[in-house]
Amino acid sequence: MAKPVVAIVGRPNVGKSTLFNKLAGKQIAIVENTPGVTRDRIYHEIDWNGKEMLLVDTGGIEPKTDDLMLKHMRMQAQIAIESADVIIFMTDVTTGLTANDRDICTMLLKSRKPLVLAVNKCDRIGDLPYEFYEFYELGVEGEPIPVSSLHGTGSGDILDRVVELCNFDDEEEEEEDDSIKVAFIGKPNAGKSSIINRYLGENRLIVSDVAGTTRDAIDTKVENEHGKFVFIDTAGIRRNAKIDTKIEHYSVLRAKSAVERANVCCIMIDATQGVTEQDERIAGIAHESGKPSIIVINKWDLIEKDAKTVDNFTKEVYEALGYMQYAPVIFVSALTGQRTAKLFELIKYVYEQSLLRVSTGMLNDVLNEATSRVQPPSDKGRRLKIYYMTQSSVAPPTFVIFCNSVELFHFSYQRYLENQIRSVFGFHGTPVKIVIRQKGDNPV
């Protein structure tokens, strides 16, 4: 049985994300004093006294609103409620019991899910404020729990209550996760959330033509005939000059963090805009992290085409991203579904390529042939001597070459040897790292 799902629900700015981070034990959800900062559902596994649960943070609910984004947030919260085993209903003692609190509580009671009522911002030690007792009027089974999500007081009481309400009887030992983690990165509004929703067949992520809609990195599990995947949707990365709020700054850090924990990166590029300087910078994050990558040209349905359109666009991509000649390019439409199924095959392929391991004997056969074809460089009468090469690790494939002089090993000759390795063994879609060691250096 899967881990019980515990959703934190409430109106905007009552401290849901602060409590989420406190229960998770680290900064995961973005926390700002701005209503609506958490727009999508954020997930994290937690352990309380040996009981494992999946905690969900949600965007604040505004029961009655005409605002399009708030409607999206309400829909996301509703999905979280439907999938939850237990719900933590978060309120704010400083504002007292509001009409929106009553409306949300009515919705939660109708779901018939076990409910824990948390009254936040009870920061003072001692007697509870008078406003705290108003929340008894909501009729939630069990007493309201006073908490301070900022200081962490009461969080243990909440988890104790949650554990009482969860059913762990049928929980089986979970198998080791063998999913391929895929980070979708790109500029705002490049279609990252749209393509994940296309795979899921549900509005798992907020999709809007408002740039920057996704502010956090969000994990979504997918399993099909191609295998098991975890899709990480990241906030669109803007140019540094345009990051003029703390929220945007956090989103860039979150996207970089998502790349670090991914096995594969899908770099989303808007076909209607071509490859921009910002796309180059974003692709560089994946490349420098050593991640196998796929360049996904989205919105291809909006492009007028002839027999040379694909070839010309591909050439433009590789000219702009000269350091990523190894990455395959795929043209898709998240809107129509064009070639989106093919992406699964590519993800699995480049991931497997990043895990290839070549024997030292085979590597040195290639090395000997390469050096006999093109002599190593020399300088002032001294010639570079290469003794042998070995593969030290995978993901990214890393090769250590031992020689007589690091200074003589020009970058151009490193690139030549990399190309020879690729021509024989593949390593399609993944960066290859070459480490040069001078004779006498400590081995890797």
Protein backbone atom coordinates (compact mmCIF):
# COMPACT_ATOMS: atom_id res chain seq x y z
CA MET A 1 0.00 0.00 0.00
CA ALA A 2 1.23 3.52 -0.80
CA LYS A 3 2.15 5.92 1.98
CA PRO A 4 -0.85 7.83 3.41
CA VAL A 5 -1.31 11.25 1.79
CA VAL A 6 -1.70 14.22 4.14
CA ALA A 7 -2.80 17.51 2.55
CA ILE A 8 -2.46 20.94 4.18
CA VAL A 9 -5.39 23.07 3.08
CA GLY A 10 -6.62 26.58 3.92
CA ARG A 11 -7.11 30.07 2.58
CA PRO A 12 -4.10 32.10 1.35
CA ASN A 13 -1.47 33.39 3.75
CA VAL A 14 -2.45 31.43 6.87
CA GLY A 15 0.98 29.76 7.09
CA LYS A 16 0.48 26.49 5.20
CA SER A 17 3.87 26.54 3.49
CA THR A 18 5.65 27.50 6.71
CA LEU A 19 4.06 24.53 8.48
CA PHE A 20 4.87 22.30 5.49
CA ASN A 21 8.55 23.25 5.68
CA LYS A 22 8.57 22.78 9.45
CA LEU A 23 7.05 19.29 9.20
CA ALA A 24 9.33 18.39 6.29
CA GLY A 25 12.36 19.56 8.23
CA LYS A 26 13.72 21.73 5.43
CA GLN A 27 12.87 24.58 3.09
CA ILE A 28 10.84 23.03 0.26
CA ALA A 29 7.80 25.24 -0.35
CA ILE A 30 8.40 28.90 -1.09
CA VAL A 31 7.39 31.04 1.89
CA GLU A 32 6.58 34.71 1.41
CA ASN A 33 4.18 37.15 3.03
CA THR A 34 2.28 37.30 -0.24
CA PRO A 35 -1.08 35.55 -0.74
CA GLY A 36 -0.94 32.94 -3.47
CA VAL A 37 2.77 32.24 -3.42
CA THR A 38 2.21 28.46 -3.38
CA ARG A 39 0.18 27.90 -6.53
CA ASP A 40 0.63 24.20 -7.23
CA ARG A 41 0.69 21.13 -5.03
CA ILE A 42 4.09 20.44 -3.45
CA TYR A 43 4.88 16.92 -2.20
CA HIS A 44 7.41 15.62 0.33
CA GLU A 45 7.81 12.33 2.21
CA ILE A 46 8.05 12.66 5.98
CA ASP A 47 8.61 10.23 8.84
CA TRP A 48 7.03 10.63 12.28
CA ASN A 49 7.89 8.05 14.93
CA GLY A 50 8.58 5.43 12.27
CA LYS A 51 5.42 6.17 10.28
CA GLU A 52 6.02 7.40 6.73
CA MET A 53 3.57 9.79 5.05
CA LEU A 54 3.40 11.89 1.90
CA LEU A 55 2.82 15.53 2.84
CA VAL A 56 1.14 17.87 0.35
CA ASP A 57 1.22 21.67 0.42
CA THR A 58 -1.47 23.42 -1.61
CA GLY A 59 -2.24 26.85 -2.93
CA GLY A 60 -4.58 28.87 -0.75
CA ILE A 61 -8.29 28.43 -1.44
CA GLU A 62 -10.50 31.42 -2.19
CA PRO A 63 -13.97 29.83 -2.29
CA LYS A 64 -15.65 32.72 -4.09
CA THR A 65 -13.53 34.53 -6.66
CA ASP A 66 -13.51 35.58 -10.29
CA ASP A 67 -9.70 35.75 -10.39
CA LEU A 68 -8.47 33.19 -12.95
CA MET A 69 -5.31 32.26 -11.02
CA LEU A 70 -7.21 31.85 -7.75
CA LYS A 71 -9.67 29.57 -9.55
CA HIS A 72 -6.71 27.47 -10.73
CA MET A 73 -5.41 27.32 -7.16
CA ARG A 74 -8.80 26.27 -5.83
CA MET A 75 -8.94 23.49 -8.42
CA GLN A 76 -5.47 22.25 -7.43
CA ALA A 77 -6.45 22.24 -3.75
CA GLN A 78 -9.60 20.28 -4.62
CA ILE A 79 -7.50 17.62 -6.39
CA ALA A 80 -5.27 17.40 -3.31
CA ILE A 81 -8.34 16.98 -1.08
CA GLU A 82 -9.70 14.19 -3.25
CA SER A 83 -6.40 12.29 -3.19
CA ALA A 84 -5.68 12.83 0.53
CA ASP A 85 -6.16 10.28 3.30
CA VAL A 86 -6.06 12.97 6.01
CA ILE A 87 -6.46 16.75 5.72
CA ILE A 88 -4.86 19.39 7.93
CA PHE A 89 -7.16 22.42 7.82
CA MET A 90 -5.04 25.50 8.53
CA THR A 91 -6.55 28.70 9.99
CA ASP A 92 -5.15 31.92 11.46
CA VAL A 93 -5.91 33.06 15.00
CA THR A 94 -4.84 36.66 14.25
CA THR A 95 -7.70 37.11 11.79
CA GLY A 96 -10.15 35.02 13.75
CA LEU A 97 -12.76 32.81 12.13
CA THR A 98 -13.61 34.23 8.69
CA ALA A 99 -16.41 33.57 6.24
CA ASN A 100 -13.90 31.93 3.89
CA ASP A 101 -12.80 29.61 6.69
CA ARG A 102 -16.43 28.54 7.13
CA ASP A 103 -16.87 27.94 3.39
CA ILE A 104 -13.67 25.91 3.15
CA CYS A 105 -14.59 23.86 6.20
CA THR A 106 -17.98 23.06 4.68
CA MET A 107 -16.22 21.81 1.55
CA LEU A 108 -13.82 19.71 3.62
CA LEU A 109 -16.57 18.18 5.77
CA LYS A 110 -18.43 17.20 2.60
CA SER A 111 -15.35 15.27 1.45
CA ARG A 112 -15.82 13.03 4.54
CA LYS A 113 -12.05 12.81 4.89
CA PRO A 114 -10.48 12.72 8.40
CA LEU A 115 -9.82 16.32 9.38
CA VAL A 116 -7.31 17.95 11.71
CA LEU A 117 -8.06 21.61 12.55
CA ALA A 118 -4.88 23.64 13.13
CA VAL A 119 -5.12 27.21 14.42
CA ASN A 120 -1.89 28.93 13.43
CA LYS A 121 0.03 31.93 14.81
CA CYS A 122 -0.60 31.06 18.45
CA ASP A 123 2.88 32.35 19.14
CA ARG A 124 2.47 33.60 22.69
CA ILE A 125 3.37 31.23 25.51
CA GLY A 126 0.63 30.79 28.10
CA ASP A 127 -3.10 31.31 27.77
CA LEU A 128 -4.58 31.02 24.32
CA PRO A 129 -6.12 34.17 22.82
CA TYR A 130 -9.89 34.55 22.97
CA GLU A 131 -10.13 34.24 19.17
CA PHE A 132 -8.84 30.66 19.36
CA TYR A 133 -12.11 29.41 20.86
CA GLU A 134 -14.12 30.76 17.91
CA PHE A 135 -12.85 27.83 15.81
CA TYR A 136 -14.83 25.32 17.87
CA GLU A 137 -17.86 26.67 15.96
CA LEU A 138 -16.67 24.84 12.83
CA GLY A 139 -17.73 21.51 14.30
CA VAL A 140 -14.60 19.60 13.32
CA GLU A 141 -14.29 16.33 15.23
CA GLY A 142 -11.53 16.59 17.82
CA GLU A 143 -10.30 19.77 19.45
CA PRO A 144 -8.56 22.49 17.43
CA ILE A 145 -4.77 22.33 17.80
CA PRO A 146 -2.95 25.61 18.52
CA VAL A 147 0.27 25.86 16.53
CA SER A 148 2.98 28.28 15.58
CA SER A 149 4.25 27.18 12.20
CA LEU A 150 6.98 29.81 12.46
CA HIS A 151 8.40 28.45 15.72
CA GLY A 152 7.28 24.83 15.30
CA THR A 153 5.23 24.63 18.49
CA GLY A 154 2.28 22.29 18.15
CA SER A 155 3.65 20.57 15.04
CA GLY A 156 4.25 17.35 16.98
CA ASP A 157 0.66 17.42 18.26
CA ILE A 158 -0.56 17.74 14.67
CA LEU A 159 1.51 14.78 13.49
CA ASP A 160 0.38 12.68 16.46
CA ARG A 161 -3.24 13.35 15.49
CA VAL A 162 -2.52 12.64 11.81
CA VAL A 163 -0.91 9.30 12.66
CA GLU A 164 -4.01 8.37 14.73
CA LEU A 165 -6.23 9.07 11.72
CA CYS A 166 -4.08 7.33 9.08
CA ASN A 167 -4.37 3.63 8.30
CA PHE A 168 -0.95 1.99 8.31
CA ASP A 169 -2.17 -1.59 8.80
CA ASP A 170 -1.78 -2.64 5.18
CA GLU A 171 1.37 -0.71 4.48
CA GLU A 172 3.98 -2.87 2.82
CA GLU A 173 7.68 -2.28 2.59
CA GLU A 174 8.21 -0.05 -0.40
CA GLU A 175 10.45 -1.28 -3.16
CA GLU A 176 13.55 0.69 -4.03
CA ASP A 177 12.64 3.52 -6.36
CA ASP A 178 13.98 2.76 -9.83
CA SER A 179 12.20 5.63 -11.56
CA ILE A 180 14.00 7.93 -13.98
CA LYS A 181 13.80 11.47 -12.62
CA VAL A 182 13.25 14.00 -15.40
CA ALA A 183 13.52 17.78 -14.89
CA PHE A 184 11.65 20.00 -17.34
CA ILE A 185 13.51 23.31 -17.49
CA GLY A 186 13.10 26.41 -19.63
CA LYS A 187 11.91 29.97 -19.82
CA PRO A 188 8.53 30.94 -18.39
CA ASN A 189 5.64 29.85 -20.60
CA ALA A 190 7.70 27.44 -22.69
CA GLY A 191 5.14 24.69 -22.05
CA LYS A 192 6.76 22.67 -19.26
CA SER A 193 3.58 22.17 -17.25
CA SER A 194 1.49 21.64 -20.38
CA ILE A 195 3.54 18.71 -21.62
CA ILE A 196 3.42 16.98 -18.21
CA ASN A 197 -0.35 17.46 -18.07
CA ARG A 198 -0.54 15.98 -21.56
CA TYR A 199 1.06 12.78 -20.24
CA LEU A 200 -1.09 12.66 -17.13
CA GLY A 201 -4.42 13.37 -18.71
CA GLU A 202 -5.33 15.61 -15.76
CA ASN A 203 -4.63 19.18 -14.75
CA ARG A 204 -1.95 18.10 -12.29
CA LEU A 205 -0.05 21.38 -12.78
CA ILE A 206 -1.42 24.86 -13.29
CA VAL A 207 -1.30 25.77 -16.98
CA SER A 208 -1.78 29.39 -17.91
CA ASP A 209 -0.47 31.88 -20.45
CA VAL A 210 0.72 33.99 -17.53
CA ALA A 211 4.53 33.72 -17.54
CA GLY A 212 5.98 32.31 -14.34
CA THR A 213 2.86 30.44 -13.24
CA THR A 214 4.83 27.54 -11.76
CA ARG A 215 6.95 28.85 -8.93
CA ASP A 216 8.08 25.64 -7.24
CA ALA A 217 9.58 22.43 -8.54
CA ILE A 218 6.87 19.77 -8.50
CA ASP A 219 7.26 15.99 -8.74
CA THR A 220 4.81 13.80 -10.63
CA LYS A 221 5.05 10.02 -10.96
CA VAL A 222 4.28 8.40 -14.31
CA GLU A 223 4.39 4.71 -15.21
CA ASN A 224 3.78 3.28 -18.68
CA GLU A 225 5.11 0.73 -21.15
CA HIS A 226 8.42 2.62 -21.31
CA GLY A 227 9.06 2.36 -17.56
CA LYS A 228 8.73 4.42 -14.39
CA PHE A 229 9.36 8.16 -14.42
CA VAL A 230 9.24 11.07 -12.01
CA PHE A 231 8.62 14.33 -13.84
CA ILE A 232 9.92 17.47 -12.13
CA ASP A 233 8.23 20.62 -13.38
CA THR A 234 10.29 23.69 -12.54
CA ALA A 235 9.62 27.37 -12.39
CA GLY A 236 10.51 29.16 -15.61
CA ILE A 237 13.99 30.67 -15.32
CA ARG A 238 14.13 34.37 -16.19
CA ARG A 239 17.14 36.49 -17.02
CA ASN A 240 18.89 37.73 -13.89
CA ALA A 241 18.03 41.32 -14.74
CA LYS A 242 14.35 40.45 -14.57
CA ILE A 243 14.53 38.67 -11.24
CA ASP A 244 13.27 41.63 -9.25
CA THR A 245 11.50 39.82 -6.40
CA LYS A 246 12.53 37.29 -3.79
CA ILE A 247 10.01 34.83 -5.19
CA GLU A 248 11.65 34.83 -8.64
CA HIS A 249 15.07 34.43 -7.04
CA TYR A 250 13.90 31.40 -5.05
CA SER A 251 12.39 29.90 -8.21
CA VAL A 252 15.73 30.01 -10.04
CA LEU A 253 17.44 28.33 -7.10
CA ARG A 254 14.66 25.72 -7.04
CA ALA A 255 15.07 25.01 -10.76
CA LYS A 256 18.82 24.54 -10.33
CA SER A 257 18.15 22.23 -7.41
CA ALA A 258 15.72 20.23 -9.56
CA VAL A 259 18.40 19.78 -12.22
CA GLU A 260 20.84 18.51 -9.59
CA ARG A 261 18.50 15.72 -8.44
CA ALA A 262 17.31 14.79 -11.94
CA ASN A 263 18.64 11.89 -14.02
CA VAL A 264 17.64 13.56 -17.30
CA CYS A 265 16.88 17.17 -18.28
CA CYS A 266 14.35 18.17 -20.93
CA ILE A 267 15.21 21.69 -22.09
CA MET A 268 11.98 23.25 -23.31
CA ILE A 269 12.32 25.85 -26.09
CA ASP A 270 9.45 27.86 -27.55
CA ALA A 271 9.48 27.28 -31.32
CA THR A 272 7.79 30.62 -31.96
CA GLN A 273 10.70 32.48 -30.32
CA GLY A 274 13.63 30.39 -31.50
CA VAL A 275 16.72 29.79 -29.38
CA THR A 276 17.33 32.85 -27.21
CA GLU A 277 20.25 33.84 -24.99
CA GLN A 278 18.16 32.80 -22.02
CA ASP A 279 17.66 29.33 -23.53
CA GLU A 280 21.44 29.08 -23.88
CA ARG A 281 21.90 29.95 -20.21
CA ILE A 282 19.26 27.44 -19.07
CA ALA A 283 20.74 24.66 -21.20
CA GLY A 284 24.12 25.49 -19.67
CA ILE A 285 22.78 24.67 -16.20
CA ALA A 286 22.02 21.10 -17.31
CA HIS A 287 25.29 20.77 -19.22
CA GLU A 288 27.47 22.03 -16.37
CA SER A 289 25.65 19.67 -13.99
CA GLY A 290 26.63 16.75 -16.22
CA LYS A 291 23.06 15.70 -16.91
CA PRO A 292 21.95 13.82 -20.02
CA SER A 293 19.65 16.19 -21.88
CA ILE A 294 17.06 16.41 -24.62
CA ILE A 295 16.28 19.66 -26.41
CA VAL A 296 12.49 19.80 -26.73
CA ILE A 297 11.17 22.31 -29.27
CA ASN A 298 7.58 22.94 -28.17
CA LYS A 299 4.68 24.68 -29.97
CA TRP A 300 5.79 23.16 -33.27
CA ASP A 301 2.15 23.20 -34.40
CA LEU A 302 2.35 27.01 -34.61
CA ILE A 303 5.22 27.03 -37.13
CA GLU A 304 4.69 27.25 -40.88
CA LYS A 305 6.78 24.48 -42.39
CA ASP A 306 8.39 23.36 -45.62
CA ALA A 307 10.76 20.51 -46.46
CA LYS A 308 13.74 22.28 -44.84
CA THR A 309 12.14 23.71 -41.69
CA VAL A 310 13.23 20.92 -39.34
CA ASP A 311 16.80 20.83 -40.68
CA ASN A 312 17.16 24.61 -40.52
CA PHE A 313 15.79 24.83 -36.98
CA THR A 314 18.02 21.95 -35.84
CA LYS A 315 21.04 23.74 -37.31
CA GLU A 316 20.03 26.92 -35.46
CA VAL A 317 19.79 24.98 -32.19
CA TYR A 318 23.24 23.46 -32.51
CA GLU A 319 24.79 26.76 -33.57
CA ALA A 320 23.39 28.44 -30.46
CA LEU A 321 24.12 25.49 -28.16
CA GLY A 322 27.52 24.57 -29.53
CA TYR A 323 28.49 22.85 -26.30
CA MET A 324 25.51 20.45 -26.53
CA GLN A 325 26.03 18.80 -29.89
CA TYR A 326 25.45 15.50 -28.11
CA ALA A 327 21.84 16.32 -27.13
CA PRO A 328 19.06 15.05 -29.43
CA VAL A 329 16.46 17.53 -30.67
CA ILE A 330 12.76 16.63 -30.79
CA PHE A 331 9.92 18.78 -32.15
CA VAL A 332 6.64 18.48 -30.23
CA SER A 333 3.35 20.16 -29.48
CA ALA A 334 2.10 19.85 -25.91
CA LEU A 335 -1.21 21.26 -27.12
CA THR A 336 -1.91 18.67 -29.84
CA GLY A 337 0.22 15.83 -28.48
CA GLN A 338 2.38 15.74 -31.61
CA ARG A 339 5.42 13.45 -30.99
CA THR A 340 5.05 13.71 -27.19
CA ALA A 341 4.95 9.90 -26.90
CA LYS A 342 8.36 9.72 -28.61
CA LEU A 343 9.86 11.73 -25.76
CA PHE A 344 9.57 8.76 -23.36
CA GLU A 345 11.78 6.66 -25.63
CA LEU A 346 14.36 9.43 -25.84
CA ILE A 347 14.39 9.97 -22.07
CA LYS A 348 15.03 6.29 -21.43
CA TYR A 349 17.66 6.13 -24.21
CA VAL A 350 19.80 9.10 -23.05
CA TYR A 351 19.53 7.92 -19.44
CA GLU A 352 20.87 4.49 -20.40
CA GLN A 353 23.62 6.13 -22.44
CA SER A 354 24.73 8.09 -19.37
CA LEU A 355 25.19 4.80 -17.50
CA LEU A 356 27.34 3.10 -20.14
CA ARG A 357 30.62 1.71 -18.85
CA VAL A 358 33.51 0.76 -21.15
CA SER A 359 36.36 -1.56 -20.22
CA THR A 360 39.86 -0.11 -19.92
CA GLY A 361 41.09 -2.45 -22.64
CA MET A 362 38.53 -1.28 -25.18
CA LEU A 363 39.16 2.36 -24.29
CA ASN A 364 42.89 2.04 -24.85
CA ASP A 365 42.35 0.35 -28.20
CA VAL A 366 40.42 3.46 -29.26
CA LEU A 367 43.07 5.70 -27.69
CA ASN A 368 45.93 4.01 -29.54
CA GLU A 369 44.13 4.25 -32.85
CA ALA A 370 43.21 7.91 -32.25
CA THR A 371 46.77 8.95 -31.31
CA SER A 372 48.26 7.13 -34.30
CA ARG A 373 45.82 8.89 -36.62
CA VAL A 374 46.38 12.35 -35.12
CA GLN A 375 49.64 12.84 -33.23
CA PRO A 376 49.40 14.44 -29.78
CA PRO A 377 50.50 18.11 -29.71
CA SER A 378 54.02 19.29 -28.92
CA ASP A 379 55.50 22.55 -27.69
CA LYS A 380 59.12 23.72 -27.89
CA GLY A 381 60.40 20.27 -28.65
CA ARG A 382 58.34 18.54 -25.96
CA ARG A 383 55.63 16.17 -27.15
CA LEU A 384 52.60 15.09 -25.20
CA LYS A 385 52.77 11.42 -24.26
CA ILE A 386 49.52 9.66 -23.32
CA TYR A 387 50.02 6.51 -21.27
CA TYR A 388 46.53 5.12 -20.82
CA MET A 389 42.87 5.95 -20.24
CA THR A 390 40.25 4.48 -17.90
CA GLN A 391 36.62 5.20 -17.07
CA SER A 392 36.22 6.24 -13.44
CA SER A 393 32.45 6.76 -13.18
CA VAL A 394 29.11 7.10 -14.96
CA ALA A 395 26.32 9.73 -15.01
CA PRO A 396 28.13 11.56 -16.48
CA PRO A 397 30.58 9.14 -18.06
CA THR A 398 33.96 10.27 -16.75
CA PHE A 399 37.31 9.27 -18.23
CA VAL A 400 40.73 9.76 -16.66
CA ILE A 401 43.73 10.08 -19.01
CA PHE A 402 47.25 9.78 -17.66
CA CYS A 403 50.00 11.66 -19.52
CA ASN A 404 53.46 13.16 -19.10
CA SER A 405 52.33 16.83 -19.00
CA VAL A 406 48.97 18.43 -18.28
CA GLU A 407 50.19 21.69 -19.84
CA LEU A 408 50.76 20.04 -23.22
CA PHE A 409 47.26 18.52 -23.26
CA HIS A 410 45.47 21.20 -25.28
CA PHE A 411 41.70 21.49 -25.01
CA SER A 412 41.35 20.89 -28.75
CA TYR A 413 43.02 17.50 -28.40
CA GLN A 414 40.74 16.62 -25.48
CA ARG A 415 37.79 17.43 -27.71
CA TYR A 416 39.27 15.27 -30.46
CA LEU A 417 39.58 12.29 -28.12
CA GLU A 418 36.05 12.84 -26.82
CA ASN A 419 34.74 12.74 -30.38
CA GLN A 420 36.64 9.49 -31.00
CA ILE A 421 35.12 7.94 -27.87
CA ARG A 422 31.64 9.03 -28.92
CA SER A 423 32.07 7.75 -32.49
CA VAL A 424 32.85 4.26 -31.19
CA PHE A 425 30.76 3.89 -28.02
CA GLY A 426 27.92 6.38 -28.49
CA PHE A 427 27.20 8.25 -25.25
CA HIS A 428 24.38 10.02 -27.13
CA GLY A 429 22.53 12.66 -25.15
CA THR A 430 24.98 12.80 -22.26
CA PRO A 431 27.94 15.05 -21.48
CA VAL A 432 31.31 13.31 -21.30
CA LYS A 433 33.83 14.46 -18.72
CA ILE A 434 37.57 14.02 -19.31
CA VAL A 435 40.01 14.41 -16.42
CA ILE A 436 43.71 14.80 -17.21
CA ARG A 437 46.24 13.39 -14.75
CA GLN A 438 50.00 13.84 -14.95
CA LYS A 439 52.18 10.81 -14.24
CA GLY A 440 52.80 10.72 -10.51
CA ASP A 441 49.45 12.33 -9.59
CA ASN A 442 47.26 10.52 -7.12
CA PRO A 443 44.87 8.17 -8.97
CA VAL A 444 41.16 9.00 -9.06
